[in-house]
Protein backbone atom coordinates (compact mmCIF):
# COMPACT_ATOMS: atom_id res chain seq x y z
CA MET A 1 -22.61 -40.01 -15.84
CA ILE A 2 -21.79 -39.80 -19.67
CA LYS A 3 -18.83 -42.19 -20.39
CA LEU A 4 -16.38 -40.66 -23.10
CA PRO A 5 -14.75 -42.81 -25.54
CA GLU A 6 -11.35 -44.32 -24.39
CA LYS A 7 -9.30 -42.18 -26.80
CA TYR A 8 -10.71 -38.77 -25.08
CA ARG A 9 -10.50 -39.95 -21.52
CA LYS A 10 -6.73 -39.23 -21.42
CA TYR A 11 -7.31 -35.53 -22.04
CA HIS A 12 -7.97 -33.25 -19.27
CA PHE A 13 -10.28 -30.42 -19.66
CA GLU A 14 -10.27 -27.55 -17.83
CA LEU A 15 -12.32 -24.29 -17.25
CA LYS A 16 -10.20 -22.33 -19.39
CA HIS A 17 -10.55 -24.76 -22.42
CA PHE A 18 -14.23 -24.09 -22.22
CA LEU A 19 -13.70 -20.43 -21.85
CA VAL A 20 -11.54 -20.36 -25.11
CA GLY A 21 -14.05 -22.26 -26.82
CA PHE A 22 -16.74 -20.05 -26.00
CA THR A 23 -15.04 -16.96 -27.02
CA MET A 24 -14.10 -18.63 -30.52
CA LEU A 25 -17.73 -19.25 -31.01
CA ILE A 26 -18.75 -15.61 -30.08
CA CYS A 27 -16.00 -14.38 -32.49
CA PHE A 28 -17.23 -16.63 -35.37
CA GLN A 29 -20.81 -15.42 -34.72
CA LEU A 30 -19.79 -11.97 -35.35
CA VAL A 31 -17.54 -12.52 -38.21
CA ILE A 32 -20.39 -14.49 -39.73
CA SER A 33 -23.10 -11.48 -38.99
CA ILE A 34 -20.71 -8.97 -40.58
CA VAL A 35 -20.12 -11.22 -43.58
CA HIS A 36 -23.66 -11.72 -43.89
CA ARG A 37 -24.49 -8.14 -43.56
CA ILE A 38 -22.03 -7.04 -46.27
CA SER A 39 -23.42 -9.91 -48.60
CA LEU A 40 -26.93 -8.47 -47.82
CA ARG A 41 -26.01 -4.72 -48.71
CA ARG A 42 -24.30 -5.83 -51.90
CA PHE A 43 -27.53 -8.00 -52.83
CA VAL A 44 -29.55 -5.18 -51.77
CA THR A 45 -27.66 -2.63 -54.01
CA GLU A 46 -27.30 -4.75 -57.12
CA THR A 47 -31.39 -5.50 -56.63
CA ARG A 48 -31.78 -2.20 -56.38
CA SER A 49 -29.84 -1.00 -59.57
CA TRP A 50 -31.43 -3.61 -61.82
CA TYR A 51 -35.09 -2.49 -60.59
CA ARG A 52 -34.38 1.03 -60.90
CA GLN A 53 -33.44 0.18 -64.69
CA ASP A 54 -36.45 -2.05 -65.14
CA PHE A 55 -38.87 0.38 -63.60
CA ALA A 56 -37.36 3.04 -65.62
CA GLU A 57 -37.47 1.10 -69.20
CA ARG A 58 -40.93 0.07 -68.37
CA LEU A 59 -42.26 3.50 -67.64
CA ALA A 60 -40.39 4.89 -70.97
CA ASN A 61 -41.95 1.68 -73.25
CA LEU A 62 -45.42 2.42 -71.82
CA THR A 63 -45.25 6.03 -72.72
CA ALA A 64 -43.94 5.49 -76.23
CA THR A 65 -46.47 2.87 -76.65
CA SER A 66 -49.07 5.11 -75.79
CA LEU A 67 -48.05 7.91 -78.02
CA GLU A 68 -47.30 5.61 -81.02
CA LEU A 69 -51.16 4.29 -80.53
CA LEU A 70 -52.30 7.99 -80.15
CA LEU A 71 -50.57 8.94 -83.26
CA GLU A 72 -51.28 5.92 -85.50
CA THR A 73 -55.31 6.45 -84.30
CA THR A 74 -55.37 10.18 -85.02
CA LEU A 75 -53.42 10.28 -88.40
CA GLN A 76 -56.30 8.17 -89.90
CA HIS A 77 -58.38 11.39 -89.83
CA GLN A 78 -57.64 13.38 -92.81
CA ASN A 79 -59.38 16.84 -91.82
CA MET A 80 -58.62 17.72 -88.33
CA ASP A 81 -61.15 20.78 -87.13
CA GLU A 82 -60.20 23.02 -84.18
CA GLU A 83 -62.09 20.76 -81.55
CA ASN A 84 -59.98 17.62 -82.77
CA ARG A 85 -56.90 19.60 -82.36
CA ARG A 86 -57.77 20.67 -79.26
CA VAL A 87 -58.68 16.94 -77.95
CA VAL A 88 -55.30 15.45 -79.73
CA THR A 89 -53.10 18.11 -78.16
CA LYS A 90 -54.68 17.65 -74.65
CA ALA A 91 -53.92 13.67 -75.09
CA PHE A 92 -50.24 14.32 -76.00
CA ASN A 93 -50.15 16.46 -72.76
CA ILE A 94 -51.73 13.91 -70.57
CA ILE A 95 -49.18 11.32 -71.99
CA LEU A 96 -46.18 13.33 -71.45
CA THR A 97 -47.14 15.02 -68.47
CA GLN A 98 -48.83 12.14 -66.67
CA GLN A 99 -45.31 10.42 -66.16
CA LEU A 100 -43.69 13.41 -64.62
CA LEU A 101 -46.06 13.34 -61.89
CA ARG A 102 -44.35 10.27 -60.55
CA GLN A 103 -41.74 11.10 -58.07
CA ASN A 104 -38.93 9.54 -59.74
CA VAL A 105 -39.43 10.86 -63.30
CA GLU A 106 -37.57 14.01 -63.94
CA ALA A 107 -37.80 14.64 -67.72
CA VAL A 108 -40.04 13.14 -70.76
CA CYS A 109 -39.49 14.25 -74.16
CA LEU A 110 -39.50 13.03 -77.95
CA LEU A 111 -35.93 13.34 -79.68
CA MET A 112 -36.87 13.34 -83.13
CA ASN A 113 -34.55 12.76 -86.08
CA ASP A 114 -34.75 15.79 -88.82
CA GLY A 115 -31.83 15.22 -91.23
CA ASP A 116 -28.93 16.04 -89.16
CA ARG A 117 -30.22 17.69 -86.40
CA VAL A 118 -32.46 16.49 -83.25
CA ILE A 119 -35.69 18.01 -82.68
CA THR A 120 -36.71 18.13 -78.85
CA MET A 121 -40.39 18.16 -78.02
CA ASP A 122 -41.93 17.65 -74.85
CA ASN A 123 -45.49 19.07 -74.95
CA GLY A 124 -48.85 18.50 -76.82
CA GLN A 125 -48.51 21.62 -79.09
CA ALA A 126 -45.12 20.79 -80.63
CA LEU A 127 -46.03 17.19 -81.20
CA TYR A 128 -49.21 18.09 -83.01
CA SER A 129 -47.57 20.83 -85.08
CA HIS A 130 -44.89 18.51 -85.96
CA PHE A 131 -46.96 15.42 -87.22
CA PHE A 132 -50.11 17.11 -88.29
CA GLU A 133 -48.94 20.61 -89.54
CA GLN A 134 -45.43 19.52 -90.82
CA ASN A 135 -43.80 22.22 -88.85
CA SER A 136 -40.35 21.31 -87.97
CA ALA A 137 -39.38 24.44 -86.19
CA VAL A 138 -36.72 24.13 -83.37
CA GLN A 139 -38.54 25.44 -80.24
CA ASP A 140 -36.99 26.74 -77.22
CA THR A 141 -36.75 23.28 -75.70
CA VAL A 142 -33.41 22.49 -77.60
CA ASN A 143 -31.70 24.76 -74.96
CA ARG A 144 -33.14 22.64 -71.94
CA TYR A 145 -32.18 19.17 -73.44
CA GLN A 146 -28.65 19.90 -74.88
CA ASN A 147 -27.11 17.22 -72.46
CA GLU A 148 -29.59 14.70 -73.70
CA VAL A 149 -29.16 15.31 -77.40
CA ALA A 150 -25.40 14.92 -76.98
CA LEU A 151 -25.89 11.65 -75.17
CA TYR A 152 -28.54 10.57 -77.74
CA ARG A 153 -25.99 11.33 -80.47
CA GLU A 154 -23.42 9.14 -79.09
CA ILE A 155 -25.80 6.04 -78.87
CA GLN A 156 -27.94 7.08 -81.86
CA HIS A 157 -26.41 4.63 -84.21
CA ARG A 158 -26.69 1.65 -81.74
CA ILE A 159 -30.34 2.58 -81.18
CA GLN A 160 -31.07 2.55 -84.86
CA THR A 161 -29.19 -0.92 -85.52
CA SER A 162 -30.62 -2.80 -82.56
CA GLU A 163 -34.00 -1.27 -82.45
CA GLN A 164 -33.95 -1.99 -78.62
CA THR A 165 -34.38 0.25 -75.93
CA GLN A 166 -30.97 1.90 -74.40
CA SER A 167 -29.91 2.61 -70.71
CA VAL A 168 -27.57 5.20 -69.45
CA LEU A 169 -26.50 5.14 -65.76
CA ASN A 170 -24.33 7.94 -64.75
CA GLU A 171 -22.49 8.54 -61.24
CA GLU A 172 -25.20 10.50 -59.87
CA ASP A 173 -27.63 7.46 -60.05
CA VAL A 174 -29.63 8.96 -62.86
CA ILE A 175 -30.99 6.78 -65.55
CA HIS A 176 -31.23 7.96 -69.19
CA VAL A 177 -33.59 5.84 -70.98
CA PHE A 178 -33.79 5.83 -75.08
CA VAL A 179 -36.81 3.85 -76.49
CA PRO A 180 -37.11 3.59 -80.31
CA PHE A 181 -40.22 5.81 -81.43
CA VAL A 182 -41.61 3.91 -84.58
CA PRO A 183 -45.12 4.77 -85.20
CA LYS A 184 -46.58 2.82 -88.17
CA GLY A 185 -42.95 1.16 -88.19
CA GLU A 186 -41.07 4.14 -89.18
CA ASN A 187 -38.04 4.98 -86.86
CA LEU A 188 -38.64 8.69 -86.24
CA GLY A 189 -36.52 9.02 -83.32
CA VAL A 190 -36.44 7.91 -79.32
CA LEU A 191 -38.66 8.79 -76.40
CA TYR A 192 -36.29 10.02 -73.75
CA LEU A 193 -37.00 9.54 -70.13
CA LYS A 194 -35.03 10.65 -67.23
CA SER A 195 -35.28 8.91 -64.06
CA ARG A 196 -33.90 9.25 -60.64
CA PRO A 197 -35.58 6.13 -58.62
CA GLU A 198 -35.25 6.44 -54.84
CA PHE A 199 -35.22 3.43 -53.24
CA GLY A 200 -32.94 4.38 -50.08
CA PHE A 201 -35.92 3.90 -47.73
CA LEU A 202 -36.26 0.27 -48.79
CA THR A 203 -32.51 -0.38 -48.43
CA LYS A 204 -32.75 1.26 -44.93
CA GLU A 205 -35.82 -0.86 -44.17
CA ILE A 206 -34.19 -4.13 -44.99
CA ILE A 207 -30.80 -3.50 -43.61
CA ALA A 208 -32.79 -2.21 -40.18
CA ASN A 209 -34.87 -5.62 -40.21
CA PHE A 210 -31.71 -7.65 -41.01
CA ASN A 211 -29.93 -5.75 -38.00
CA ARG A 212 -32.84 -6.75 -35.86
CA SER A 213 -33.03 -10.24 -36.82
CA ASN A 214 -29.53 -10.61 -36.52
CA LEU A 215 -29.35 -9.01 -33.09
CA LEU A 216 -32.16 -11.40 -31.84
CA PHE A 217 -30.31 -14.46 -33.49
CA THR A 218 -27.00 -13.29 -32.06
CA ILE A 219 -28.78 -12.96 -28.55
CA VAL A 220 -29.99 -16.21 -28.76
CA ILE A 221 -26.89 -17.58 -29.62
CA PHE A 222 -25.34 -15.65 -26.99
CA PHE A 223 -27.38 -17.02 -24.25
CA GLY A 224 -27.23 -20.52 -25.62
CA LEU A 225 -23.28 -20.63 -25.45
CA TRP A 226 -23.32 -19.04 -22.14
CA THR A 227 -25.86 -21.47 -20.76
CA MET A 228 -23.30 -23.94 -22.20
CA PHE A 229 -20.50 -22.23 -20.59
CA LEU A 230 -22.23 -22.04 -17.35
CA ILE A 231 -22.90 -25.84 -17.40
CA SER A 232 -19.55 -26.97 -18.66
CA SER A 233 -18.12 -24.79 -15.72
CA ARG A 234 -20.16 -26.21 -13.20
CA THR A 235 -19.30 -29.58 -14.47
CA VAL A 236 -15.75 -28.73 -14.41
CA GLN A 237 -15.83 -27.38 -11.08
CA GLU A 238 -17.85 -30.56 -9.53
CA ARG A 239 -15.21 -32.54 -11.53
CA ASN A 240 -12.37 -30.74 -9.80
CA GLU A 241 -14.11 -30.74 -6.22
CA ALA A 242 -14.38 -34.72 -6.92
CA GLN A 243 -10.91 -34.85 -8.02
CA ARG A 244 -9.71 -32.80 -4.86
CA MET A 245 -11.67 -35.13 -2.71
CA LEU A 246 -10.14 -37.86 -4.34
CA TYR A 247 -6.69 -36.71 -3.95
CA THR A 248 -7.42 -35.59 -0.29
CA GLU A 249 -8.41 -39.36 0.43
CA ARG A 250 -5.41 -40.87 -1.61
CA GLU A 251 -2.99 -38.46 0.22
CA GLU A 252 -4.52 -39.60 3.75
CA LYS A 253 -4.21 -43.37 2.63
CA LEU A 254 -0.75 -42.80 1.11
CA LYS A 255 0.22 -41.01 4.55
CA GLU A 256 -1.35 -43.91 6.43
CA ARG A 257 0.78 -46.29 3.97
CA ILE A 258 3.98 -44.33 4.91
CA HIS A 259 3.34 -44.23 8.41
CA PHE A 260 2.74 -47.95 8.31
CA GLN A 261 5.89 -48.47 6.26
CA LYS A 262 7.79 -46.59 8.58
CA GLU A 263 6.68 -48.57 11.49
CA ALA A 264 7.43 -51.72 9.92
CA LEU A 265 10.96 -50.59 8.93
CA PHE A 266 11.16 -49.38 12.38
CA ALA A 267 10.23 -52.82 13.86
CA LYS A 268 12.52 -54.40 11.33
CA ARG A 269 15.36 -52.12 12.56
CA ILE A 270 14.52 -52.80 16.56
CA TYR A 271 14.63 -56.49 15.57
CA HIS A 272 17.91 -56.19 13.82
CA THR A 273 19.84 -54.12 16.41
CA HIS A 274 18.01 -56.22 19.28
CA HIS A 275 19.72 -59.32 17.74
CA LYS A 276 22.93 -57.53 17.90
CA ALA A 277 22.44 -56.52 21.54
CA GLU A 278 21.65 -60.02 22.47
CA LYS A 279 24.95 -61.31 21.06
CA VAL A 280 26.88 -58.37 23.01
CA MET A 281 25.02 -59.14 26.26
CA GLY A 282 26.55 -62.68 25.52
CA PHE A 283 29.95 -61.19 25.47
CA ILE A 284 29.15 -59.08 28.72
CA LYS A 285 28.33 -62.33 30.67
CA GLN A 286 31.28 -63.92 29.66
CA ASP A 287 33.46 -61.22 30.21
CA LEU A 288 31.94 -60.76 33.98
CA GLU A 289 32.56 -64.70 34.39
CA SER A 290 36.11 -64.57 33.58
CA LEU A 291 36.49 -61.33 35.62
CA SER A 292 39.65 -61.56 37.70
CA ASP A 293 42.29 -59.32 39.20
CA LYS A 294 44.87 -59.80 36.33
CA ASN A 295 42.20 -58.60 33.58
CA ILE A 296 39.89 -56.23 35.50
CA LYS A 297 41.00 -53.12 33.23
CA GLU A 298 40.68 -55.16 29.93
CA ILE A 299 37.53 -56.34 30.83
CA LYS A 300 36.24 -53.00 32.22
CA TYR A 301 37.22 -51.13 28.79
CA ARG A 302 35.21 -53.93 26.67
CA ILE A 303 32.06 -54.05 28.96
CA THR A 304 32.02 -50.15 28.56
CA LYS A 305 31.97 -50.45 25.13
CA TYR A 306 29.43 -53.18 25.12
CA ALA A 307 27.20 -51.07 27.53
CA SER A 308 27.66 -48.11 25.28
CA PHE A 309 26.52 -49.87 22.22
CA ILE A 310 23.38 -51.38 23.93
CA SER A 311 22.64 -47.94 25.60
CA ARG A 312 22.68 -46.76 21.77
CA VAL A 313 20.23 -49.67 20.77
CA ILE A 314 17.91 -48.73 23.38
CA TYR A 315 17.97 -44.90 22.38
CA ASP A 316 17.48 -45.90 18.85
CA MET A 317 14.21 -47.73 19.89
CA LYS A 318 12.63 -44.42 20.79
CA TRP A 319 11.76 -43.16 17.61
CA PHE A 320 12.35 -43.53 13.88
CA ASP A 321 14.36 -40.65 13.16
CA PRO A 322 16.55 -39.71 16.05
CA PRO A 323 17.69 -36.06 16.34
CA LEU A 324 20.88 -35.28 13.84
CA GLN A 325 22.92 -33.88 16.63
CA THR A 326 22.91 -37.24 18.32
CA ILE A 327 24.39 -38.89 15.10
CA ARG A 328 26.61 -36.23 13.68
CA ASN A 329 28.22 -33.43 15.84
CA PRO A 330 31.56 -31.59 16.03
CA TYR A 331 32.11 -33.04 19.58
CA PHE A 332 32.35 -36.55 18.25
CA ARG A 333 36.00 -37.44 17.59
CA THR A 334 35.61 -40.96 16.77
CA ASP A 335 38.77 -42.82 15.73
CA LEU A 336 37.59 -44.94 12.77
CA ASN A 337 40.83 -47.26 12.91
CA GLU A 338 39.96 -47.96 16.73
CA VAL A 339 36.35 -49.03 16.16
CA ILE A 340 37.35 -51.36 13.30
CA ARG A 341 39.94 -53.03 15.68
CA PHE A 342 37.60 -53.29 18.51
CA MET A 343 34.93 -54.65 16.32
CA ILE A 344 37.03 -57.17 14.84
CA ASN A 345 38.67 -58.58 17.76
CA HIS A 346 35.65 -58.49 20.24
CA LEU A 347 32.65 -58.81 17.89
CA PHE A 348 33.40 -61.20 15.00
CA MET A 349 36.60 -62.88 16.62
CA ARG A 350 34.56 -64.11 19.67
CA VAL A 351 32.11 -66.18 17.92
CA ALA A 352 33.82 -69.33 18.57
CA SER A 353 32.20 -71.65 15.63
CA LYS A 354 33.39 -69.00 13.20
CA VAL A 355 36.84 -68.20 14.05
CA ASN A 356 38.51 -71.14 11.89
CA ASN A 357 36.35 -70.36 9.06
CA TYR A 358 37.43 -66.89 8.47
CA GLN A 359 40.22 -64.36 9.05
CA PHE A 360 40.74 -60.47 8.79
CA ASP A 361 43.33 -58.47 6.78
CA LEU A 362 43.69 -55.03 8.45
CA ASP A 363 45.37 -52.05 6.36
CA LEU A 364 44.63 -48.93 8.39
CA ASP A 365 46.06 -45.57 7.81
CA ASP A 366 46.98 -44.21 11.14
CA SER A 367 46.90 -40.71 9.63
CA LEU A 368 43.19 -40.86 9.42
CA PRO A 369 41.62 -37.79 11.12
CA PRO A 370 38.96 -38.29 13.67
CA LEU A 371 35.32 -38.39 12.24
CA PRO A 372 32.53 -36.15 13.79
CA VAL A 373 30.14 -39.31 14.01
CA ASN A 374 28.63 -41.29 17.00
CA GLU A 375 31.09 -44.14 17.52
CA TYR A 376 28.29 -46.52 18.07
CA VAL A 377 26.36 -45.18 14.94
CA ILE A 378 29.62 -46.17 12.92
CA TRP A 379 29.20 -49.63 14.44
CA GLU A 380 25.82 -49.81 12.97
CA ILE A 381 27.13 -49.32 9.41
CA ILE A 382 30.23 -51.34 9.47
CA GLU A 383 28.89 -54.24 11.02
CA PRO A 384 26.26 -55.44 8.43
CA LEU A 385 28.73 -54.86 5.88
CA ILE A 386 31.41 -57.18 7.17
CA GLN A 387 28.74 -59.46 8.31
CA ASN A 388 27.50 -59.50 4.87
CA ALA A 389 30.79 -60.35 3.18
CA ILE A 390 31.15 -63.29 5.46
CA ASP A 391 27.90 -64.73 5.00
CA HIS A 392 27.95 -64.56 1.05
CA ALA A 393 31.58 -65.65 0.49
CA ASN A 394 30.79 -69.37 0.01
CA VAL A 395 34.54 -70.30 0.60
CA GLU A 396 36.40 -72.71 2.70
CA LYS A 397 38.65 -70.34 4.04
CA ILE A 398 37.11 -66.56 4.08
CA VAL A 399 39.59 -63.75 4.13
CA ILE A 400 37.99 -60.37 5.06
CA HIS A 401 40.41 -57.41 3.81
CA ILE A 402 39.81 -54.02 5.37
CA GLU A 403 41.54 -50.84 4.50
CA THR A 404 41.29 -47.07 5.47
CA ARG A 405 42.96 -44.46 3.31
CA HIS A 406 43.16 -40.69 3.95
CA GLN A 407 43.60 -38.32 0.86
CA HIS A 408 44.66 -35.17 2.43
CA GLU A 409 44.59 -33.26 -0.99
CA LYS A 410 40.86 -34.43 -1.58
CA SER A 411 39.93 -33.86 2.20
CA LYS A 412 38.33 -37.26 2.15
CA SER A 413 38.73 -40.70 3.63
CA ILE A 414 38.09 -43.98 2.10
CA LEU A 415 36.93 -47.17 4.12
CA ILE A 416 37.23 -50.45 1.95
CA ILE A 417 35.92 -53.76 2.90
CA GLU A 418 36.91 -56.90 0.47
CA ASP A 419 36.30 -60.40 0.77
CA ASN A 420 37.83 -63.36 -1.45
CA GLY A 421 34.31 -65.15 -1.99
CA GLU A 422 32.36 -65.55 -5.23
CA GLY A 423 31.29 -62.08 -5.37
CA VAL A 424 27.70 -60.51 -5.54
CA ASP A 425 25.09 -61.57 -7.88
CA PRO A 426 25.70 -59.03 -10.78
CA GLU A 427 21.67 -58.34 -10.89
CA LEU A 428 22.15 -56.92 -7.36
CA LEU A 429 24.72 -54.53 -8.35
CA GLU A 430 22.45 -52.93 -11.09
CA MET A 431 21.22 -49.64 -10.39
CA SER A 432 17.57 -49.03 -9.51
CA ARG A 433 16.36 -45.65 -8.32
CA GLY A 434 19.76 -44.41 -8.28
CA ILE A 435 20.77 -47.19 -5.74
CA ARG A 436 22.36 -50.39 -5.99
CA ARG A 437 19.76 -53.07 -5.70
CA MET A 438 21.94 -54.96 -2.82
CA PHE A 439 21.23 -51.74 -0.78
CA LEU A 440 17.31 -51.99 -1.10
CA ASP A 441 15.25 -53.20 1.55
CA ASN A 442 14.30 -57.10 1.56
CA VAL A 443 16.92 -57.83 -1.11
CA SER A 444 19.10 -60.81 -0.36
CA THR A 445 20.59 -63.90 -1.93
CA LYS A 446 19.84 -66.19 1.23
CA SER A 447 17.26 -68.88 0.48
CA ASP A 448 15.56 -67.90 3.78
CA ASN A 449 14.78 -64.35 3.38
CA GLY A 450 12.30 -63.65 5.93
CA ASN A 451 14.41 -61.36 7.89
CA SER A 452 17.10 -61.42 5.70
CA GLY A 453 18.24 -58.36 3.30
CA TYR A 454 18.07 -55.59 5.68
CA GLY A 455 21.69 -55.44 7.05
CA CYS A 456 22.99 -53.69 3.84
CA TYR A 457 19.93 -51.60 3.73
CA ILE A 458 20.27 -50.05 7.15
CA ALA A 459 24.13 -49.54 6.67
CA TYR A 460 23.26 -47.52 3.56
CA GLU A 461 20.53 -45.64 4.84
CA ILE A 462 22.72 -44.48 7.95
CA ALA A 463 25.73 -43.90 6.00
CA THR A 464 24.12 -41.73 3.37
CA GLN A 465 21.18 -40.11 4.89
CA ARG A 466 22.52 -39.58 8.41
CA CYS A 467 26.37 -39.34 7.96
CA GLY A 468 26.49 -38.05 4.30
CA TRP A 469 28.59 -40.75 3.41
CA LYS A 470 28.89 -42.21 -0.26
CA VAL A 471 28.35 -45.97 -0.44
CA ASP A 472 29.26 -47.95 -3.40
CA ALA A 473 29.91 -51.89 -4.48
CA GLU A 474 31.30 -54.02 -7.18
CA ASN A 475 32.92 -57.13 -7.88
CA ILE A 476 36.43 -57.83 -7.90
CA GLU A 477 37.91 -59.63 -11.29
CA ASN A 478 40.01 -62.21 -9.07
CA GLY A 479 36.71 -63.15 -7.02
CA GLY A 480 34.99 -61.56 -4.15
CA CYS A 481 33.17 -58.15 -3.45
CA ARG A 482 34.42 -54.42 -2.80
CA VAL A 483 32.52 -52.13 -0.64
CA THR A 484 33.63 -48.78 -0.68
CA LEU A 485 32.55 -45.88 1.91
CA THR A 486 33.53 -42.33 1.06
CA MET A 487 33.73 -40.00 3.89
CA HIS A 488 34.47 -36.01 3.07
CA HIS A 489 35.77 -34.01 6.01
CA SER A 490 34.40 -30.52 5.91
């Protein structure tokens, strides 16, 4: 496989790109063919005009020279008998009429200067009479060459001055050639030749050959480009198929990875909730050991709550994403204040080794409406946040302030959990993917974080994804951290 330079690898060529290039090449070929044809036609036209003029001038010069040589030869004889007269006249006629036999010559004659008038002669008899008998009588040919005589008069001075052949091309593609007639070096007039050369057949043949060559060249280029297009399109199709297979393989691996991550998170969540359940089971054992006639109602109430929480933990072990109606449902009428009081009094305050290290300051709003959320789901949200405030306070006497407020005009309730500790590391309060880093998985300030950094993550995921609440955290100016949960009532 050909490796492209590094600077070209970033470009992603598709079939449409090759199609556009192919179309542009075809258009360029057509434009070049048209321009070439126009140029060839112009060249042929100009060449034809030049050759037409050159052909007529050469023919006129040859005729004039022949007449001059004949006159110079015959004028040397003093006595011309009838036989010589007939021979000379015939020679003149042959020279004049021989050119008329050509297809493109229409007229040949001598325009002789006779004072202010111009004599026209186009046959041997007139020539012999003029040169040998000095008879300058104008014959009937004058009427036939009126236009030619008028044209000659226009350029007569120029011919006599330059003593060069002059050609005039009119709009009908007729060439009028005037060759100075100077037998024995004396300018007596001009030899006039009218020619209408026809080279249309030659032009048509050249253009036809060019069209055939151009058509063949265009066909070759077209098939060459078409072959390149097919090869390119096939290459692009193979590349797209390889990319599709690669993306499919990556998709499968990504699904496996996501599934593995879900299983790992699920295992961590089970471990986390199992640890809480173990602690609750210890409380149940203590209550059963202290059971008596006097406290049976109180212990029954606590054990019922504990048992329901353990049932919820076992229920969550069934699947990664439990049905939404088991979490949030209009039939649930949970008193948030009651949940908070029970957790403080019968979960956190029952840990003997910690009772003397922290205390709780509750400020609960009795106007708080019931929440349509499972009570034990709320346990899973609040318990890790309170435990996190206790574990990271790092002060001798920890005070946890818990406050609830109901804002009736905004139809929402707020739960605030504050501590008087050192606060949270500012790096953990930075936003990452739209979330505070302290609520991400495996993010913790504990030195041994093998199984830490998961409580806040669970609380955030359940509160936001399953309950639709908003969770935020910030440090307090006087020290400590504040976590705020906002619950909107529909």
